[in-house]
Amino acid sequence: MRAYSGDEPPELSKTRRKRAMAELQTLGEALAALPAERLKKIDLPEPLREAIGLIQRMPRQDEARRRQTQYIGRLMRAVEDAPIRAALADARGDSAAVTARLRRLERQRDALLEDETKLYEIAALYPGLDPQRLRSLRRAALKEKEQNKPPRNYRAIFQLLKDAGQDSGNPAAAV
């Protein structure tokens, strides 16, 4: 057994190496589960992108798919995984920035329902937003709430704000 000299990093145990490889395989499986459109947005080396594309086309959960997953795990060892994990979290909506954006949209919707003058502030934030549509959704949402009906228009306001934030070039509106 070698003594640790301090200049070189300690060698990982076989168990830890296997655990790290299994995590990379799991990360590769998560990438393969993403739709092709979201996968294009993640910066990946071309061999890894091709391997993921191949596993996405495999219809069955069989031995070939298992080997392909292992191959993806092997390719993942040569890639820095932190940016991939962050991009995957963003794609799944797990990131703090996405969560904060959704909470901000919820607060804007609630403020709009409380005070109609917030409509002008929201219209200034999202230039592509139709204020008339937002005003009519607000009235309908208030009416639904008054009549104890399902909050269909309440949800529609949120979706309208969310879509407007993604369509606008405003970095404060879209993350």
C-alpha atoms as a PDB file:
ATOM      1  CA  MET A   1       0.000   0.000   0.000  1.00  0.00           C
ATOM      2  CA  ARG A   2       1.365   3.404  -0.990  1.00  0.00           C
ATOM      3  CA  ALA A   3       1.458   6.319   1.378  1.00  0.00           C
ATOM      4  CA  TYR A   4      -0.210   9.545   0.338  1.00  0.00           C
ATOM      5  CA  SER A   5       2.506  12.138  -0.318  1.00  0.00           C
ATOM      6  CA  GLY A   6       0.273  15.212  -0.729  1.00  0.00           C
ATOM      7  CA  ASP A   7       1.467  16.069  -4.257  1.00  0.00           C
ATOM      8  CA  GLU A   8      -0.770  13.584  -6.015  1.00  0.00           C
ATOM      9  CA  PRO A   9      -4.462  12.994  -5.347  1.00  0.00           C
ATOM     10  CA  PRO A  10      -5.341   9.818  -3.476  1.00  0.00           C
ATOM     11  CA  GLU A  11      -6.466   6.947  -5.659  1.00  0.00           C
ATOM     12  CA  LEU A  12     -10.179   6.196  -5.437  1.00  0.00           C
ATOM     13  CA  SER A  13     -11.252   2.825  -4.195  1.00  0.00           C
ATOM     14  CA  LYS A  14     -12.780   0.395  -6.650  1.00  0.00           C
ATOM     15  CA  THR A  15     -16.188   0.837  -5.024  1.00  0.00           C
ATOM     16  CA  ARG A  16     -16.067   4.602  -5.408  1.00  0.00           C
ATOM     17  CA  ARG A  17     -14.935   4.338  -9.027  1.00  0.00           C
ATOM     18  CA  LYS A  18     -17.828   1.965  -9.782  1.00  0.00           C
ATOM     19  CA  ARG A  19     -20.281   4.259  -8.018  1.00  0.00           C
ATOM     20  CA  ALA A  20     -19.021   7.246 -10.030  1.00  0.00           C
ATOM     21  CA  MET A  21     -19.359   5.286 -13.275  1.00  0.00           C
ATOM     22  CA  ALA A  22     -22.899   4.225 -12.341  1.00  0.00           C
ATOM     23  CA  GLU A  23     -23.789   7.880 -11.685  1.00  0.00           C
ATOM     24  CA  LEU A  24     -22.459   8.842 -15.105  1.00  0.00           C
ATOM     25  CA  GLN A  25     -24.538   6.059 -16.686  1.00  0.00           C
ATOM     26  CA  THR A  26     -27.615   7.354 -14.864  1.00  0.00           C
ATOM     27  CA  LEU A  27     -26.841  10.855 -16.095  1.00  0.00           C
ATOM     28  CA  GLY A  28     -26.572   9.468 -19.638  1.00  0.00           C
ATOM     29  CA  GLU A  29     -29.956   7.733 -19.241  1.00  0.00           C
ATOM     30  CA  ALA A  30     -31.478  11.017 -18.077  1.00  0.00           C
ATOM     31  CA  LEU A  31     -30.074  12.727 -21.176  1.00  0.00           C
ATOM     32  CA  ALA A  32     -31.518   9.972 -23.359  1.00  0.00           C
ATOM     33  CA  ALA A  33     -34.944  10.514 -21.782  1.00  0.00           C
ATOM     34  CA  LEU A  34     -35.003  14.162 -22.887  1.00  0.00           C
ATOM     35  CA  PRO A  35     -36.875  15.154 -26.043  1.00  0.00           C
ATOM     36  CA  ALA A  36     -34.624  15.819 -29.033  1.00  0.00           C
ATOM     37  CA  GLU A  37     -35.452  19.553 -28.976  1.00  0.00           C
ATOM     38  CA  ARG A  38     -34.182  19.978 -25.412  1.00  0.00           C
ATOM     39  CA  LEU A  39     -31.188  17.756 -26.039  1.00  0.00           C
ATOM     40  CA  LYS A  40     -30.070  20.064 -28.875  1.00  0.00           C
ATOM     41  CA  LYS A  41     -29.778  22.929 -26.381  1.00  0.00           C
ATOM     42  CA  ILE A  42     -27.240  21.061 -24.252  1.00  0.00           C
ATOM     43  CA  ASP A  43     -23.596  21.339 -25.300  1.00  0.00           C
ATOM     44  CA  LEU A  44     -22.385  17.753 -25.806  1.00  0.00           C
ATOM     45  CA  PRO A  45     -19.457  16.259 -27.735  1.00  0.00           C
ATOM     46  CA  GLU A  46     -20.539  14.753 -31.042  1.00  0.00           C
ATOM     47  CA  PRO A  47     -19.774  11.078 -30.182  1.00  0.00           C
ATOM     48  CA  LEU A  48     -21.865  11.372 -27.021  1.00  0.00           C
ATOM     49  CA  ARG A  49     -24.703  13.072 -28.898  1.00  0.00           C
ATOM     50  CA  GLU A  50     -24.683  10.260 -31.508  1.00  0.00           C
ATOM     51  CA  ALA A  51     -24.684   7.556 -28.807  1.00  0.00           C
ATOM     52  CA  ILE A  52     -27.635   9.218 -27.079  1.00  0.00           C
ATOM     53  CA  GLY A  53     -29.466   9.519 -30.406  1.00  0.00           C
ATOM     54  CA  LEU A  54     -28.933   5.809 -30.997  1.00  0.00           C
ATOM     55  CA  ILE A  55     -30.293   4.794 -27.597  1.00  0.00           C
ATOM     56  CA  GLN A  56     -33.332   7.015 -28.133  1.00  0.00           C
ATOM     57  CA  ARG A  57     -34.149   5.025 -31.255  1.00  0.00           C
ATOM     58  CA  MET A  58     -33.955   1.676 -29.421  1.00  0.00           C
ATOM     59  CA  PRO A  59     -37.522   0.551 -28.773  1.00  0.00           C
ATOM     60  CA  ARG A  60     -36.929  -2.285 -26.308  1.00  0.00           C
ATOM     61  CA  GLN A  61     -35.321  -2.537 -22.898  1.00  0.00           C
ATOM     62  CA  ASP A  62     -32.940  -5.348 -23.776  1.00  0.00           C
ATOM     63  CA  GLU A  63     -29.267  -6.280 -23.633  1.00  0.00           C
ATOM     64  CA  ALA A  64     -28.358  -4.001 -26.554  1.00  0.00           C
ATOM     65  CA  ARG A  65     -29.832  -1.014 -24.738  1.00  0.00           C
ATOM     66  CA  ARG A  66     -27.934  -1.924 -21.556  1.00  0.00           C
ATOM     67  CA  ARG A  67     -24.646  -2.089 -23.486  1.00  0.00           C
ATOM     68  CA  GLN A  68     -25.401   1.240 -25.160  1.00  0.00           C
ATOM     69  CA  THR A  69     -26.076   2.756 -21.739  1.00  0.00           C
ATOM     70  CA  GLN A  70     -22.704   1.479 -20.546  1.00  0.00           C
ATOM     71  CA  TYR A  71     -21.076   2.970 -23.630  1.00  0.00           C
ATOM     72  CA  ILE A  72     -22.690   6.334 -22.908  1.00  0.00           C
ATOM     73  CA  GLY A  73     -21.372   6.087 -19.344  1.00  0.00           C
ATOM     74  CA  ARG A  74     -17.888   5.441 -20.722  1.00  0.00           C
ATOM     75  CA  LEU A  75     -18.138   8.468 -23.024  1.00  0.00           C
ATOM     76  CA  MET A  76     -19.366  10.572 -20.106  1.00  0.00           C
ATOM     77  CA  ARG A  77     -16.105   9.911 -18.231  1.00  0.00           C
ATOM     78  CA  ALA A  78     -14.221  12.072 -20.725  1.00  0.00           C
ATOM     79  CA  VAL A  79     -16.680  14.974 -20.401  1.00  0.00           C
ATOM     80  CA  GLU A  80     -17.016  17.555 -17.638  1.00  0.00           C
ATOM     81  CA  ASP A  81     -20.336  16.547 -16.080  1.00  0.00           C
ATOM     82  CA  ALA A  82     -21.160  19.672 -14.011  1.00  0.00           C
ATOM     83  CA  PRO A  83     -22.402  21.768 -16.998  1.00  0.00           C
ATOM     84  CA  ILE A  84     -24.407  18.787 -18.250  1.00  0.00           C
ATOM     85  CA  ARG A  85     -26.013  18.312 -14.825  1.00  0.00           C
ATOM     86  CA  ALA A  86     -26.899  22.019 -14.698  1.00  0.00           C
ATOM     87  CA  ALA A  87     -28.359  21.963 -18.219  1.00  0.00           C
ATOM     88  CA  LEU A  88     -30.313  18.819 -17.389  1.00  0.00           C
ATOM     89  CA  ALA A  89     -31.685  20.452 -14.234  1.00  0.00           C
ATOM     90  CA  ASP A  90     -32.751  23.466 -16.313  1.00  0.00           C
ATOM     91  CA  ALA A  91     -34.403  21.211 -18.887  1.00  0.00           C
ATOM     92  CA  ARG A  92     -36.321  19.364 -16.190  1.00  0.00           C
ATOM     93  CA  GLY A  93     -37.208  22.582 -14.400  1.00  0.00           C
ATOM     94  CA  ASP A  94     -35.264  21.636 -11.277  1.00  0.00           C
ATOM     95  CA  SER A  95     -33.033  24.686 -11.292  1.00  0.00           C
ATOM     96  CA  ALA A  96     -33.421  27.477  -8.790  1.00  0.00           C
ATOM     97  CA  ALA A  97     -33.633  30.068 -11.576  1.00  0.00           C
ATOM     98  CA  VAL A  98     -36.612  28.341 -13.214  1.00  0.00           C
ATOM     99  CA  THR A  99     -38.357  27.918  -9.868  1.00  0.00           C
ATOM    100  CA  ALA A 100     -37.767  31.582  -9.007  1.00  0.00           C
ATOM    101  CA  ARG A 101     -39.157  32.639 -12.376  1.00  0.00           C
ATOM    102  CA  LEU A 102     -42.309  30.576 -11.897  1.00  0.00           C
ATOM    103  CA  ARG A 103     -42.817  31.995  -8.400  1.00  0.00           C
ATOM    104  CA  ARG A 104     -42.383  35.529  -9.799  1.00  0.00           C
ATOM    105  CA  LEU A 105     -45.056  34.787 -12.414  1.00  0.00           C
ATOM    106  CA  GLU A 106     -47.402  33.513  -9.704  1.00  0.00           C
ATOM    107  CA  ARG A 107     -46.889  36.720  -7.703  1.00  0.00           C
ATOM    108  CA  GLN A 108     -47.569  38.824 -10.798  1.00  0.00           C
ATOM    109  CA  ARG A 109     -50.781  36.906 -11.462  1.00  0.00           C
ATOM    110  CA  ASP A 110     -51.962  37.297  -7.857  1.00  0.00           C
ATOM    111  CA  ALA A 111     -51.103  41.021  -7.863  1.00  0.00           C
ATOM    112  CA  LEU A 112     -53.059  41.445 -11.094  1.00  0.00           C
ATOM    113  CA  LEU A 113     -56.116  39.775  -9.594  1.00  0.00           C
ATOM    114  CA  GLU A 114     -55.942  42.044  -6.556  1.00  0.00           C
ATOM    115  CA  ASP A 115     -55.370  45.286  -8.454  1.00  0.00           C
ATOM    116  CA  GLU A 116     -56.210  45.986 -12.101  1.00  0.00           C
ATOM    117  CA  THR A 117     -53.619  48.774 -12.307  1.00  0.00           C
ATOM    118  CA  LYS A 118     -50.911  46.073 -12.236  1.00  0.00           C
ATOM    119  CA  LEU A 119     -52.035  45.303 -15.779  1.00  0.00           C
ATOM    120  CA  TYR A 120     -50.028  48.275 -17.073  1.00  0.00           C
ATOM    121  CA  GLU A 121     -46.875  47.210 -15.218  1.00  0.00           C
ATOM    122  CA  ILE A 122     -47.190  43.696 -16.612  1.00  0.00           C
ATOM    123  CA  ALA A 123     -47.809  45.069 -20.123  1.00  0.00           C
ATOM    124  CA  ALA A 124     -44.620  47.149 -19.813  1.00  0.00           C
ATOM    125  CA  LEU A 125     -42.630  44.053 -18.746  1.00  0.00           C
ATOM    126  CA  TYR A 126     -43.940  41.919 -21.618  1.00  0.00           C
ATOM    127  CA  PRO A 127     -44.265  44.052 -24.789  1.00  0.00           C
ATOM    128  CA  GLY A 128     -45.748  41.201 -26.862  1.00  0.00           C
ATOM    129  CA  LEU A 129     -48.578  40.619 -24.381  1.00  0.00           C
ATOM    130  CA  ASP A 130     -52.140  41.493 -25.381  1.00  0.00           C
ATOM    131  CA  PRO A 131     -53.515  43.652 -22.522  1.00  0.00           C
ATOM    132  CA  GLN A 132     -57.129  43.172 -23.648  1.00  0.00           C
ATOM    133  CA  ARG A 133     -56.792  39.388 -23.435  1.00  0.00           C
ATOM    134  CA  LEU A 134     -55.183  39.676 -20.022  1.00  0.00           C
ATOM    135  CA  ARG A 135     -57.944  42.014 -18.811  1.00  0.00           C
ATOM    136  CA  SER A 136     -60.686  39.642 -20.001  1.00  0.00           C
ATOM    137  CA  LEU A 137     -58.931  36.653 -18.386  1.00  0.00           C
ATOM    138  CA  ARG A 138     -58.698  38.634 -15.150  1.00  0.00           C
ATOM    139  CA  ARG A 139     -62.425  39.380 -15.171  1.00  0.00           C
ATOM    140  CA  ALA A 140     -63.259  35.761 -15.957  1.00  0.00           C
ATOM    141  CA  ALA A 141     -60.925  34.498 -13.205  1.00  0.00           C
ATOM    142  CA  LEU A 142     -62.524  36.784 -10.637  1.00  0.00           C
ATOM    143  CA  LYS A 143     -65.960  35.616 -11.748  1.00  0.00           C
ATOM    144  CA  GLU A 144     -64.875  31.955 -11.455  1.00  0.00           C
ATOM    145  CA  LYS A 145     -63.590  32.564  -7.956  1.00  0.00           C
ATOM    146  CA  GLU A 146     -66.808  34.311  -6.958  1.00  0.00           C
ATOM    147  CA  GLN A 147     -68.909  31.411  -8.272  1.00  0.00           C
ATOM    148  CA  ASN A 148     -66.591  28.704  -6.804  1.00  0.00           C
ATOM    149  CA  LYS A 149     -65.875  27.268 -10.254  1.00  0.00           C
ATOM    150  CA  PRO A 150     -62.644  25.515 -11.267  1.00  0.00           C
ATOM    151  CA  PRO A 151     -59.824  28.062 -11.816  1.00  0.00           C
ATOM    152  CA  ARG A 152     -59.473  27.627 -15.562  1.00  0.00           C
ATOM    153  CA  ASN A 153     -58.892  31.318 -16.350  1.00  0.00           C
ATOM    154  CA  TYR A 154     -56.674  31.700 -13.278  1.00  0.00           C
ATOM    155  CA  ARG A 155     -54.383  29.093 -14.836  1.00  0.00           C
ATOM    156  CA  ALA A 156     -54.742  30.685 -18.274  1.00  0.00           C
ATOM    157  CA  ILE A 157     -53.382  33.977 -16.882  1.00  0.00           C
ATOM    158  CA  PHE A 158     -50.302  32.153 -15.592  1.00  0.00           C
ATOM    159  CA  GLN A 159     -49.795  30.388 -18.925  1.00  0.00           C
ATOM    160  CA  LEU A 160     -50.176  33.660 -20.819  1.00  0.00           C
ATOM    161  CA  LEU A 161     -47.552  35.336 -18.608  1.00  0.00           C
ATOM    162  CA  LYS A 162     -45.241  32.339 -18.939  1.00  0.00           C
ATOM    163  CA  ASP A 163     -45.509  32.283 -22.742  1.00  0.00           C
ATOM    164  CA  ALA A 164     -45.054  36.058 -22.966  1.00  0.00           C
ATOM    165  CA  GLY A 165     -41.909  35.825 -20.817  1.00  0.00           C
ATOM    166  CA  GLN A 166     -40.404  33.179 -23.086  1.00  0.00           C
ATOM    167  CA  ASP A 167     -41.306  35.043 -26.261  1.00  0.00           C
ATOM    168  CA  SER A 168     -39.965  38.429 -25.150  1.00  0.00           C
ATOM    169  CA  GLY A 169     -36.290  39.200 -25.250  1.00  0.00           C
ATOM    170  CA  ASN A 170     -36.488  40.601 -21.718  1.00  0.00           C
ATOM    171  CA  PRO A 171     -33.906  38.801 -19.539  1.00  0.00           C
ATOM    172  CA  ALA A 172     -35.852  39.771 -16.399  1.00  0.00           C
ATOM    173  CA  ALA A 173     -38.990  38.134 -17.773  1.00  0.00           C
ATOM    174  CA  ALA A 174     -37.465  34.907 -19.052  1.00  0.00           C
ATOM    175  CA  VAL A 175     -34.769  32.762 -17.536  1.00  0.00           C
END
